[in-house]
């Protein structure tokens, strides 16, 4: 998908002092040399149906040997995503890891994945797939969390754009859906 090529890329690298690297918890200087990565990255785009999509991550590394030689395939650590819809509503997600595959036009986040939206849903998912050229998030591996009316559980969910040029989104739960209603 050529959509990723149109994404605006903001890269902010932090300088690493090689004399201090071994003292920083979890850093292996030899691994950093073998697998170069960007310390902080932010990708911003607008989908074909008008949703602003921003993805940021604690670190990003390319799976290909040389960037620019083919389609992007990027590994993200601590990715966070934000979708802003034309009606000013929004949804955000964060995960432990994710892979952006330019060929498939998709970002796949591995869980636990937290998904929140401006309507008051706070959900934990097993995994999440986000299309890069259209507004479509698919949550799988079980859904568990809070809904405005109580607690909700489902096998999966799908978030898509709805409502014309100034529209928001539609959140649909599928599979075994259970809502435990909590009256106010």
C-alpha atoms as a PDB file:
ATOM      1  CA  UNK A   1       0.000   0.000   0.000  1.00  0.00           C
ATOM      2  CA  UNK A   2       1.427   3.327  -1.040  1.00  0.00           C
ATOM      3  CA  UNK A   3      -0.448   5.045   1.797  1.00  0.00           C
ATOM      4  CA  UNK A   4       2.494   4.583   4.202  1.00  0.00           C
ATOM      5  CA  UNK A   5       4.793   6.340   1.762  1.00  0.00           C
ATOM      6  CA  UNK A   6       2.565   9.404   2.064  1.00  0.00           C
ATOM      7  CA  UNK A   7       2.785   9.375   5.846  1.00  0.00           C
ATOM      8  CA  UNK A   8       4.617  12.281   7.411  1.00  0.00           C
ATOM      9  CA  UNK A   9       7.418  10.916   9.534  1.00  0.00           C
ATOM     10  CA  UNK A  10       8.760  12.732  12.578  1.00  0.00           C
ATOM     11  CA  UNK A  11      11.877  11.154  14.013  1.00  0.00           C
ATOM     12  CA  UNK A  12      13.485  12.395  17.191  1.00  0.00           C
ATOM     13  CA  UNK A  13      16.602  10.560  18.180  1.00  0.00           C
ATOM     14  CA  UNK A  14      18.218  10.743  21.569  1.00  0.00           C
ATOM     15  CA  UNK A  15      21.984  10.616  21.600  1.00  0.00           C
ATOM     16  CA  UNK A  16      23.400   7.591  23.372  1.00  0.00           C
ATOM     17  CA  UNK A  17      26.618   7.952  25.323  1.00  0.00           C
ATOM     18  CA  UNK A  18      28.389   4.615  24.668  1.00  0.00           C
ATOM     19  CA  UNK A  19      30.292   4.860  27.970  1.00  0.00           C
ATOM     20  CA  UNK A  20      26.991   5.019  29.903  1.00  0.00           C
ATOM     21  CA  UNK A  21      25.007   2.468  27.843  1.00  0.00           C
ATOM     22  CA  UNK A  22      26.018  -0.641  29.849  1.00  0.00           C
ATOM     23  CA  UNK A  23      24.905   1.070  33.048  1.00  0.00           C
ATOM     24  CA  UNK A  24      21.412   1.744  31.727  1.00  0.00           C
ATOM     25  CA  UNK A  25      19.094  -1.120  32.653  1.00  0.00           C
ATOM     26  CA  UNK A  26      18.173  -3.376  29.756  1.00  0.00           C
ATOM     27  CA  UNK A  27      20.571  -1.966  27.153  1.00  0.00           C
ATOM     28  CA  UNK A  28      23.020  -4.235  25.373  1.00  0.00           C
ATOM     29  CA  UNK A  29      25.562  -2.142  23.370  1.00  0.00           C
ATOM     30  CA  UNK A  30      26.401  -5.087  21.064  1.00  0.00           C
ATOM     31  CA  UNK A  31      22.721  -5.651  20.256  1.00  0.00           C
ATOM     32  CA  UNK A  32      22.270  -1.911  19.609  1.00  0.00           C
ATOM     33  CA  UNK A  33      25.103  -2.119  17.056  1.00  0.00           C
ATOM     34  CA  UNK A  34      23.621  -5.223  15.354  1.00  0.00           C
ATOM     35  CA  UNK A  35      20.043  -3.901  15.361  1.00  0.00           C
ATOM     36  CA  UNK A  36      20.089  -0.110  15.023  1.00  0.00           C
ATOM     37  CA  UNK A  37      16.874   1.549  16.147  1.00  0.00           C
ATOM     38  CA  UNK A  38      15.323   4.971  16.454  1.00  0.00           C
ATOM     39  CA  UNK A  39      14.782   5.954  20.086  1.00  0.00           C
ATOM     40  CA  UNK A  40      11.532   7.863  19.545  1.00  0.00           C
ATOM     41  CA  UNK A  41       9.369   7.951  16.427  1.00  0.00           C
ATOM     42  CA  UNK A  42       6.031   9.454  15.451  1.00  0.00           C
ATOM     43  CA  UNK A  43       4.075   8.735  12.266  1.00  0.00           C
ATOM     44  CA  UNK A  44       1.121  10.884  11.217  1.00  0.00           C
ATOM     45  CA  UNK A  45      -1.298  10.393   8.342  1.00  0.00           C
ATOM     46  CA  UNK A  46      -4.880  10.921   7.238  1.00  0.00           C
ATOM     47  CA  UNK A  47      -6.828   7.883   6.056  1.00  0.00           C
ATOM     48  CA  UNK A  48      -8.737   7.924   2.769  1.00  0.00           C
ATOM     49  CA  UNK A  49     -11.989   8.366   4.731  1.00  0.00           C
ATOM     50  CA  UNK A  50     -10.750  11.433   6.654  1.00  0.00           C
ATOM     51  CA  UNK A  51      -9.543  10.137  10.035  1.00  0.00           C
ATOM     52  CA  UNK A  52      -6.288  11.594  11.374  1.00  0.00           C
ATOM     53  CA  UNK A  53      -4.044   8.745  12.515  1.00  0.00           C
ATOM     54  CA  UNK A  54      -0.942   9.199  14.675  1.00  0.00           C
ATOM     55  CA  UNK A  55       1.319   6.359  15.804  1.00  0.00           C
ATOM     56  CA  UNK A  56       4.201   6.948  18.211  1.00  0.00           C
ATOM     57  CA  UNK A  57       6.574   4.487  19.828  1.00  0.00           C
ATOM     58  CA  UNK A  58       9.344   4.259  22.394  1.00  0.00           C
ATOM     59  CA  UNK A  59      11.624   2.738  19.756  1.00  0.00           C
ATOM     60  CA  UNK A  60      11.367   1.593  16.149  1.00  0.00           C
ATOM     61  CA  UNK A  61      13.569  -0.785  14.212  1.00  0.00           C
ATOM     62  CA  UNK A  62      13.416  -1.820  10.569  1.00  0.00           C
ATOM     63  CA  UNK A  63      13.188  -5.521   9.721  1.00  0.00           C
ATOM     64  CA  UNK A  64      14.845  -4.960   6.351  1.00  0.00           C
ATOM     65  CA  UNK A  65      18.608  -4.546   6.044  1.00  0.00           C
ATOM     66  CA  UNK A  66      18.400  -1.210   4.240  1.00  0.00           C
ATOM     67  CA  UNK A  67      15.538   1.243   4.543  1.00  0.00           C
ATOM     68  CA  UNK A  68      14.384   2.434   1.118  1.00  0.00           C
ATOM     69  CA  UNK A  69      15.191  -0.821  -0.699  1.00  0.00           C
ATOM     70  CA  UNK A  70      11.637  -2.137  -0.491  1.00  0.00           C
ATOM     71  CA  UNK A  71       8.367  -1.867   1.394  1.00  0.00           C
ATOM     72  CA  UNK A  72       8.659  -0.815   5.023  1.00  0.00           C
ATOM     73  CA  UNK A  73       8.349  -3.385   7.750  1.00  0.00           C
ATOM     74  CA  UNK A  74       8.915  -1.793  11.144  1.00  0.00           C
ATOM     75  CA  UNK A  75       8.930  -3.212  14.679  1.00  0.00           C
ATOM     76  CA  UNK A  76       7.592  -0.877  17.374  1.00  0.00           C
ATOM     77  CA  UNK A  77       8.209  -1.048  21.118  1.00  0.00           C
ATOM     78  CA  UNK A  78       5.548   0.546  23.346  1.00  0.00           C
ATOM     79  CA  UNK A  79       3.423   1.820  20.441  1.00  0.00           C
ATOM     80  CA  UNK A  80       0.569   4.262  21.012  1.00  0.00           C
ATOM     81  CA  UNK A  81      -2.033   5.149  18.411  1.00  0.00           C
ATOM     82  CA  UNK A  82      -4.538   7.995  18.237  1.00  0.00           C
ATOM     83  CA  UNK A  83      -7.434   8.346  15.805  1.00  0.00           C
ATOM     84  CA  UNK A  84      -9.233  11.699  15.531  1.00  0.00           C
ATOM     85  CA  UNK A  85     -12.492  11.622  13.617  1.00  0.00           C
ATOM     86  CA  UNK A  86     -13.995  14.604  11.731  1.00  0.00           C
ATOM     87  CA  UNK A  87     -16.715  15.049  14.406  1.00  0.00           C
ATOM     88  CA  UNK A  88     -13.942  15.658  17.030  1.00  0.00           C
ATOM     89  CA  UNK A  89     -14.443  12.256  18.714  1.00  0.00           C
ATOM     90  CA  UNK A  90     -11.371  10.077  19.184  1.00  0.00           C
ATOM     91  CA  UNK A  91     -10.031   6.642  20.046  1.00  0.00           C
ATOM     92  CA  UNK A  92      -6.589   5.665  21.304  1.00  0.00           C
ATOM     93  CA  UNK A  93      -4.697   2.434  21.845  1.00  0.00           C
ATOM     94  CA  UNK A  94      -1.412   1.290  23.326  1.00  0.00           C
ATOM     95  CA  UNK A  95       0.372  -2.056  23.334  1.00  0.00           C
ATOM     96  CA  UNK A  96       3.629  -3.752  24.224  1.00  0.00           C
ATOM     97  CA  UNK A  97       4.766  -4.302  20.619  1.00  0.00           C
ATOM     98  CA  UNK A  98       3.538  -3.808  17.068  1.00  0.00           C
ATOM     99  CA  UNK A  99       4.600  -4.441  13.490  1.00  0.00           C
ATOM    100  CA  UNK A 100       3.849  -2.043  10.638  1.00  0.00           C
ATOM    101  CA  UNK A 101       3.664  -3.879   7.295  1.00  0.00           C
ATOM    102  CA  UNK A 102       3.562  -1.479   4.353  1.00  0.00           C
ATOM    103  CA  UNK A 103       2.835  -4.247   1.838  1.00  0.00           C
ATOM    104  CA  UNK A 104      -0.326  -5.296   3.696  1.00  0.00           C
ATOM    105  CA  UNK A 105      -1.124  -1.692   4.719  1.00  0.00           C
ATOM    106  CA  UNK A 106      -1.632  -2.714   8.325  1.00  0.00           C
ATOM    107  CA  UNK A 107      -0.303  -2.210  11.843  1.00  0.00           C
ATOM    108  CA  UNK A 108      -0.625  -5.289  14.077  1.00  0.00           C
ATOM    109  CA  UNK A 109      -0.318  -4.683  17.831  1.00  0.00           C
ATOM    110  CA  UNK A 110       0.197  -7.517  20.311  1.00  0.00           C
ATOM    111  CA  UNK A 111      -1.365  -7.554  23.725  1.00  0.00           C
ATOM    112  CA  UNK A 112      -2.345  -6.797  26.044  1.00  0.00           C
ATOM    113  CA  UNK A 113      -3.697  -3.893  24.018  1.00  0.00           C
ATOM    114  CA  UNK A 114      -5.624  -1.106  25.755  1.00  0.00           C
ATOM    115  CA  UNK A 115      -8.269   0.694  23.688  1.00  0.00           C
ATOM    116  CA  UNK A 116     -10.094   3.798  24.909  1.00  0.00           C
ATOM    117  CA  UNK A 117     -12.500   6.118  23.160  1.00  0.00           C
ATOM    118  CA  UNK A 118     -14.065   9.488  23.832  1.00  0.00           C
ATOM    119  CA  UNK A 119     -17.439   7.841  24.603  1.00  0.00           C
ATOM    120  CA  UNK A 120     -16.086   6.233  27.769  1.00  0.00           C
ATOM    121  CA  UNK A 121     -15.098   2.708  26.698  1.00  0.00           C
ATOM    122  CA  UNK A 122     -11.894   1.392  28.314  1.00  0.00           C
ATOM    123  CA  UNK A 123     -11.114  -2.051  26.911  1.00  0.00           C
ATOM    124  CA  UNK A 124      -8.352  -4.645  27.035  1.00  0.00           C
ATOM    125  CA  UNK A 125      -7.816  -6.766  23.911  1.00  0.00           C
ATOM    126  CA  UNK A 126      -5.598  -9.710  23.078  1.00  0.00           C
ATOM    127  CA  UNK A 127      -4.434  -8.116  19.804  1.00  0.00           C
ATOM    128  CA  UNK A 128      -5.382  -5.259  17.518  1.00  0.00           C
ATOM    129  CA  UNK A 129      -5.078  -4.732  13.767  1.00  0.00           C
ATOM    130  CA  UNK A 130      -5.286  -1.197  12.346  1.00  0.00           C
ATOM    131  CA  UNK A 131      -5.615  -0.468   8.639  1.00  0.00           C
ATOM    132  CA  UNK A 132      -3.397   2.404   7.472  1.00  0.00           C
ATOM    133  CA  UNK A 133      -5.483   3.661   4.528  1.00  0.00           C
ATOM    134  CA  UNK A 134      -8.969   3.481   6.068  1.00  0.00           C
ATOM    135  CA  UNK A 135     -10.569   3.731   9.496  1.00  0.00           C
ATOM    136  CA  UNK A 136     -10.769   0.121  10.610  1.00  0.00           C
ATOM    137  CA  UNK A 137      -9.509  -1.359  13.883  1.00  0.00           C
ATOM    138  CA  UNK A 138     -10.129  -5.030  14.617  1.00  0.00           C
ATOM    139  CA  UNK A 139      -9.654  -6.348  18.142  1.00  0.00           C
ATOM    140  CA  UNK A 140      -9.252 -10.098  18.666  1.00  0.00           C
ATOM    141  CA  UNK A 141      -8.189 -12.502  21.392  1.00  0.00           C
ATOM    142  CA  UNK A 142     -10.990 -11.461  23.721  1.00  0.00           C
ATOM    143  CA  UNK A 143     -12.355  -8.069  24.770  1.00  0.00           C
ATOM    144  CA  UNK A 144     -12.859  -7.164  28.414  1.00  0.00           C
ATOM    145  CA  UNK A 145     -13.482  -3.798  30.015  1.00  0.00           C
ATOM    146  CA  UNK A 146     -15.717  -0.928  30.938  1.00  0.00           C
ATOM    147  CA  UNK A 147     -18.566   0.459  28.858  1.00  0.00           C
ATOM    148  CA  UNK A 148     -20.576   3.578  29.723  1.00  0.00           C
ATOM    149  CA  UNK A 149     -23.438   1.326  30.885  1.00  0.00           C
ATOM    150  CA  UNK A 150     -21.370  -1.222  32.868  1.00  0.00           C
ATOM    151  CA  UNK A 151     -18.831  -3.947  32.099  1.00  0.00           C
ATOM    152  CA  UNK A 152     -18.569  -5.697  28.764  1.00  0.00           C
ATOM    153  CA  UNK A 153     -16.982  -8.881  27.425  1.00  0.00           C
ATOM    154  CA  UNK A 154     -16.856 -10.103  23.842  1.00  0.00           C
ATOM    155  CA  UNK A 155     -14.832 -12.332  21.554  1.00  0.00           C
ATOM    156  CA  UNK A 156     -13.856  -9.477  19.230  1.00  0.00           C
ATOM    157  CA  UNK A 157     -14.655  -5.917  18.174  1.00  0.00           C
ATOM    158  CA  UNK A 158     -14.458  -3.695  15.130  1.00  0.00           C
ATOM    159  CA  UNK A 159     -14.180   0.088  15.021  1.00  0.00           C
ATOM    160  CA  UNK A 160     -15.010   1.737  11.678  1.00  0.00           C
ATOM    161  CA  UNK A 161     -15.762   5.230  10.406  1.00  0.00           C
ATOM    162  CA  UNK A 162     -19.418   6.211  10.019  1.00  0.00           C
ATOM    163  CA  UNK A 163     -21.706   9.131   9.342  1.00  0.00           C
ATOM    164  CA  UNK A 164     -20.598  10.897   6.168  1.00  0.00           C
ATOM    165  CA  UNK A 165     -18.027  13.702   5.828  1.00  0.00           C
ATOM    166  CA  UNK A 166     -18.431  14.989   9.406  1.00  0.00           C
ATOM    167  CA  UNK A 167     -19.006  11.545  10.945  1.00  0.00           C
ATOM    168  CA  UNK A 168     -17.481   9.776  13.882  1.00  0.00           C
ATOM    169  CA  UNK A 169     -17.105   6.046  14.321  1.00  0.00           C
ATOM    170  CA  UNK A 170     -19.032   2.860  14.959  1.00  0.00           C
ATOM    171  CA  UNK A 171     -17.851   0.395  17.619  1.00  0.00           C
ATOM    172  CA  UNK A 172     -19.291  -3.106  17.158  1.00  0.00           C
ATOM    173  CA  UNK A 173     -18.761  -6.072  19.506  1.00  0.00           C
ATOM    174  CA  UNK A 174     -18.972  -9.576  18.018  1.00  0.00           C
ATOM    175  CA  UNK A 175     -18.970 -13.210  19.109  1.00  0.00           C
ATOM    176  CA  UNK A 176     -20.001 -14.012  22.667  1.00  0.00           C
ATOM    177  CA  UNK A 177     -21.035 -10.541  23.856  1.00  0.00           C
ATOM    178  CA  UNK A 178     -22.041  -9.994  27.489  1.00  0.00           C
ATOM    179  CA  UNK A 179     -22.914  -6.625  28.983  1.00  0.00           C
ATOM    180  CA  UNK A 180     -23.427  -6.403  32.731  1.00  0.00           C
ATOM    181  CA  UNK A 181     -25.585  -3.316  33.067  1.00  0.00           C
ATOM    182  CA  UNK A 182     -24.876  -1.099  36.076  1.00  0.00           C
ATOM    183  CA  UNK A 183     -27.690   1.393  36.704  1.00  0.00           C
ATOM    184  CA  UNK A 184     -26.736   4.838  37.940  1.00  0.00           C
END
